[in-house]
Amino acid sequence: MAKQAAQTVIKPSQSLVASGAKWYAILTQFFQTAGLYETIRGFEADLLVLSRAQHERLPKALERLEEEVK
């Protein structure tokens, strides 16, 4: 039987909130709603090492993702 993760609320890091990263809050909320708590932890870890170039490409990539998901 799969081990269930405890339901925890993960709040956005202050540096991401300060930079106006609305996409971060939206994705985190989606992961929480879907119960993807390990995904949130991986997402957080990836964001800690995101380069400036990656950070600059992210909004456009998210817009493209939004269009593809619709």
N, C-alpha and C. Protein backbone atom coordinates (compact mmCIF):
# COMPACT_ATOMS: atom_id res chain seq x y z
N MET A 1 0.85 -1.17 0.00
CA MET A 1 0.00 0.00 0.00
C MET A 1 0.90 1.24 0.00
N ALA A 2 0.55 2.21 -0.79
CA ALA A 2 1.34 3.44 -0.90
C ALA A 2 1.23 4.27 0.37
N LYS A 3 2.33 4.81 0.75
CA LYS A 3 2.36 5.67 1.93
C LYS A 3 1.78 7.03 1.56
N GLN A 4 0.81 7.50 2.32
CA GLN A 4 0.21 8.79 2.03
C GLN A 4 1.00 9.89 2.69
N ALA A 5 1.22 10.97 1.94
CA ALA A 5 1.92 12.13 2.48
C ALA A 5 0.97 12.91 3.37
N ALA A 6 1.50 13.44 4.43
CA ALA A 6 0.69 14.27 5.31
C ALA A 6 0.29 15.53 4.56
N GLN A 7 -0.94 15.96 4.79
CA GLN A 7 -1.40 17.17 4.12
C GLN A 7 -0.79 18.37 4.82
N THR A 8 0.04 19.07 4.09
CA THR A 8 0.65 20.28 4.62
C THR A 8 0.44 21.41 3.64
N VAL A 9 0.34 22.59 4.17
CA VAL A 9 0.21 23.76 3.33
C VAL A 9 1.58 24.37 3.18
N ILE A 10 2.02 24.51 1.95
CA ILE A 10 3.34 25.07 1.68
C ILE A 10 3.14 26.48 1.17
N LYS A 11 3.76 27.42 1.84
CA LYS A 11 3.62 28.82 1.46
C LYS A 11 4.76 29.23 0.55
N PRO A 12 4.50 30.14 -0.38
CA PRO A 12 5.55 30.60 -1.29
C PRO A 12 6.71 31.24 -0.54
N SER A 13 7.92 31.01 -1.04
CA SER A 13 9.07 31.65 -0.42
C SER A 13 8.99 33.15 -0.61
N GLN A 14 9.50 33.90 0.33
CA GLN A 14 9.40 35.35 0.30
C GLN A 14 10.09 35.95 -0.91
N SER A 15 11.20 35.37 -1.37
CA SER A 15 11.90 35.93 -2.53
C SER A 15 11.05 35.81 -3.79
N LEU A 16 10.31 34.72 -3.94
CA LEU A 16 9.45 34.57 -5.10
C LEU A 16 8.25 35.49 -5.03
N VAL A 17 7.68 35.64 -3.84
CA VAL A 17 6.54 36.53 -3.68
C VAL A 17 6.97 37.97 -3.96
N ALA A 18 8.13 38.35 -3.45
CA ALA A 18 8.64 39.71 -3.64
C ALA A 18 8.89 40.01 -5.11
N SER A 19 9.26 39.00 -5.90
CA SER A 19 9.53 39.22 -7.31
C SER A 19 8.25 39.21 -8.15
N GLY A 20 7.10 39.04 -7.51
CA GLY A 20 5.84 39.06 -8.24
C GLY A 20 5.59 37.80 -9.03
N ALA A 21 6.10 36.69 -8.59
CA ALA A 21 5.96 35.43 -9.32
C ALA A 21 4.58 34.82 -9.06
N LYS A 22 3.56 35.38 -9.69
CA LYS A 22 2.20 34.88 -9.55
C LYS A 22 2.10 33.43 -10.00
N TRP A 23 2.85 33.08 -11.04
CA TRP A 23 2.84 31.72 -11.56
C TRP A 23 3.24 30.72 -10.49
N TYR A 24 4.15 31.11 -9.60
CA TYR A 24 4.60 30.21 -8.54
C TYR A 24 3.43 29.87 -7.62
N ALA A 25 2.70 30.90 -7.20
CA ALA A 25 1.57 30.69 -6.31
C ALA A 25 0.49 29.84 -6.98
N ILE A 26 0.24 30.07 -8.25
CA ILE A 26 -0.78 29.32 -8.98
C ILE A 26 -0.39 27.85 -9.10
N LEU A 27 0.86 27.59 -9.47
CA LEU A 27 1.30 26.20 -9.59
C LEU A 27 1.33 25.50 -8.24
N THR A 28 1.78 26.18 -7.23
CA THR A 28 1.82 25.59 -5.89
C THR A 28 0.40 25.24 -5.43
N GLN A 29 -0.54 26.15 -5.66
CA GLN A 29 -1.93 25.88 -5.29
C GLN A 29 -2.48 24.68 -6.06
N PHE A 30 -2.16 24.60 -7.34
CA PHE A 30 -2.59 23.45 -8.14
C PHE A 30 -2.03 22.15 -7.57
N PHE A 31 -0.73 22.13 -7.28
CA PHE A 31 -0.11 20.92 -6.72
C PHE A 31 -0.76 20.54 -5.39
N GLN A 32 -1.05 21.54 -4.55
CA GLN A 32 -1.69 21.26 -3.26
C GLN A 32 -3.09 20.68 -3.47
N THR A 33 -3.86 21.29 -4.37
CA THR A 33 -5.22 20.83 -4.64
C THR A 33 -5.21 19.39 -5.14
N ALA A 34 -4.22 19.06 -5.96
CA ALA A 34 -4.11 17.71 -6.51
C ALA A 34 -3.46 16.73 -5.53
N GLY A 35 -2.99 17.23 -4.39
CA GLY A 35 -2.34 16.37 -3.41
C GLY A 35 -0.93 15.98 -3.79
N LEU A 36 -0.29 16.77 -4.64
CA LEU A 36 1.06 16.46 -5.13
C LEU A 36 2.12 17.13 -4.25
N TYR A 37 2.18 16.70 -3.01
CA TYR A 37 3.06 17.35 -2.04
C TYR A 37 4.54 17.13 -2.34
N GLU A 38 4.90 15.95 -2.84
CA GLU A 38 6.29 15.70 -3.21
C GLU A 38 6.67 16.55 -4.42
N THR A 39 5.72 16.78 -5.31
CA THR A 39 5.96 17.64 -6.48
C THR A 39 6.29 19.06 -6.02
N ILE A 40 5.58 19.53 -5.01
CA ILE A 40 5.85 20.87 -4.48
C ILE A 40 7.28 20.94 -3.96
N ARG A 41 7.70 19.92 -3.24
CA ARG A 41 9.07 19.92 -2.70
C ARG A 41 10.10 19.93 -3.83
N GLY A 42 9.87 19.16 -4.88
CA GLY A 42 10.78 19.15 -6.02
C GLY A 42 10.77 20.48 -6.75
N PHE A 43 9.59 21.06 -6.89
CA PHE A 43 9.42 22.37 -7.52
C PHE A 43 10.21 23.42 -6.76
N GLU A 44 10.08 23.41 -5.44
CA GLU A 44 10.83 24.34 -4.58
C GLU A 44 12.33 24.16 -4.77
N ALA A 45 12.78 22.91 -4.79
CA ALA A 45 14.22 22.63 -4.93
C ALA A 45 14.73 23.13 -6.28
N ASP A 46 13.96 22.91 -7.34
CA ASP A 46 14.38 23.39 -8.66
C ASP A 46 14.45 24.91 -8.70
N LEU A 47 13.51 25.56 -8.06
CA LEU A 47 13.50 27.02 -8.08
C LEU A 47 14.69 27.61 -7.32
N LEU A 48 15.20 26.89 -6.36
CA LEU A 48 16.36 27.38 -5.60
C LEU A 48 17.60 27.49 -6.47
N VAL A 49 17.68 26.67 -7.51
CA VAL A 49 18.87 26.68 -8.37
C VAL A 49 18.58 27.20 -9.77
N LEU A 50 17.45 27.85 -9.96
CA LEU A 50 17.07 28.41 -11.24
C LEU A 50 18.01 29.55 -11.63
N SER A 51 18.62 29.44 -12.78
CA SER A 51 19.51 30.50 -13.23
C SER A 51 18.71 31.71 -13.69
N ARG A 52 19.37 32.84 -13.82
CA ARG A 52 18.68 34.05 -14.29
C ARG A 52 18.10 33.83 -15.68
N ALA A 53 18.86 33.16 -16.55
CA ALA A 53 18.38 32.90 -17.91
C ALA A 53 17.12 32.03 -17.88
N GLN A 54 17.12 31.01 -17.04
CA GLN A 54 15.94 30.15 -16.92
C GLN A 54 14.77 30.95 -16.35
N HIS A 55 15.05 31.76 -15.36
CA HIS A 55 14.01 32.57 -14.73
C HIS A 55 13.37 33.51 -15.75
N GLU A 56 14.17 34.06 -16.65
CA GLU A 56 13.66 34.98 -17.67
C GLU A 56 12.82 34.25 -18.73
N ARG A 57 13.14 32.99 -19.01
CA ARG A 57 12.38 32.22 -20.01
C ARG A 57 11.10 31.63 -19.45
N LEU A 58 11.03 31.51 -18.16
CA LEU A 58 9.91 30.82 -17.52
C LEU A 58 8.54 31.42 -17.82
N PRO A 59 8.33 32.73 -17.71
CA PRO A 59 6.99 33.27 -17.99
C PRO A 59 6.47 32.94 -19.39
N LYS A 60 7.32 33.05 -20.40
CA LYS A 60 6.90 32.72 -21.77
C LYS A 60 6.58 31.23 -21.89
N ALA A 61 7.39 30.40 -21.27
CA ALA A 61 7.15 28.96 -21.31
C ALA A 61 5.83 28.62 -20.62
N LEU A 62 5.52 29.31 -19.54
CA LEU A 62 4.26 29.07 -18.84
C LEU A 62 3.06 29.53 -19.68
N GLU A 63 3.22 30.62 -20.39
CA GLU A 63 2.15 31.08 -21.29
C GLU A 63 1.88 30.02 -22.35
N ARG A 64 2.95 29.46 -22.90
CA ARG A 64 2.82 28.42 -23.92
C ARG A 64 2.12 27.18 -23.34
N LEU A 65 2.52 26.82 -22.12
CA LEU A 65 1.89 25.69 -21.45
C LEU A 65 0.40 25.95 -21.26
N GLU A 66 0.05 27.15 -20.85
CA GLU A 66 -1.36 27.51 -20.67
C GLU A 66 -2.15 27.31 -21.96
N GLU A 67 -1.59 27.76 -23.05
CA GLU A 67 -2.27 27.62 -24.35
C GLU A 67 -2.43 26.15 -24.74
N GLU A 68 -1.43 25.35 -24.47
CA GLU A 68 -1.48 23.93 -24.83
C GLU A 68 -2.45 23.15 -23.97
N VAL A 69 -2.63 23.59 -22.73
CA VAL A 69 -3.52 22.88 -21.81
C VAL A 69 -4.98 23.21 -22.07
N LYS A 70 -5.24 24.38 -22.62
CA LYS A 70 -6.64 24.79 -22.87
C LYS A 70 -7.34 23.91 -23.84
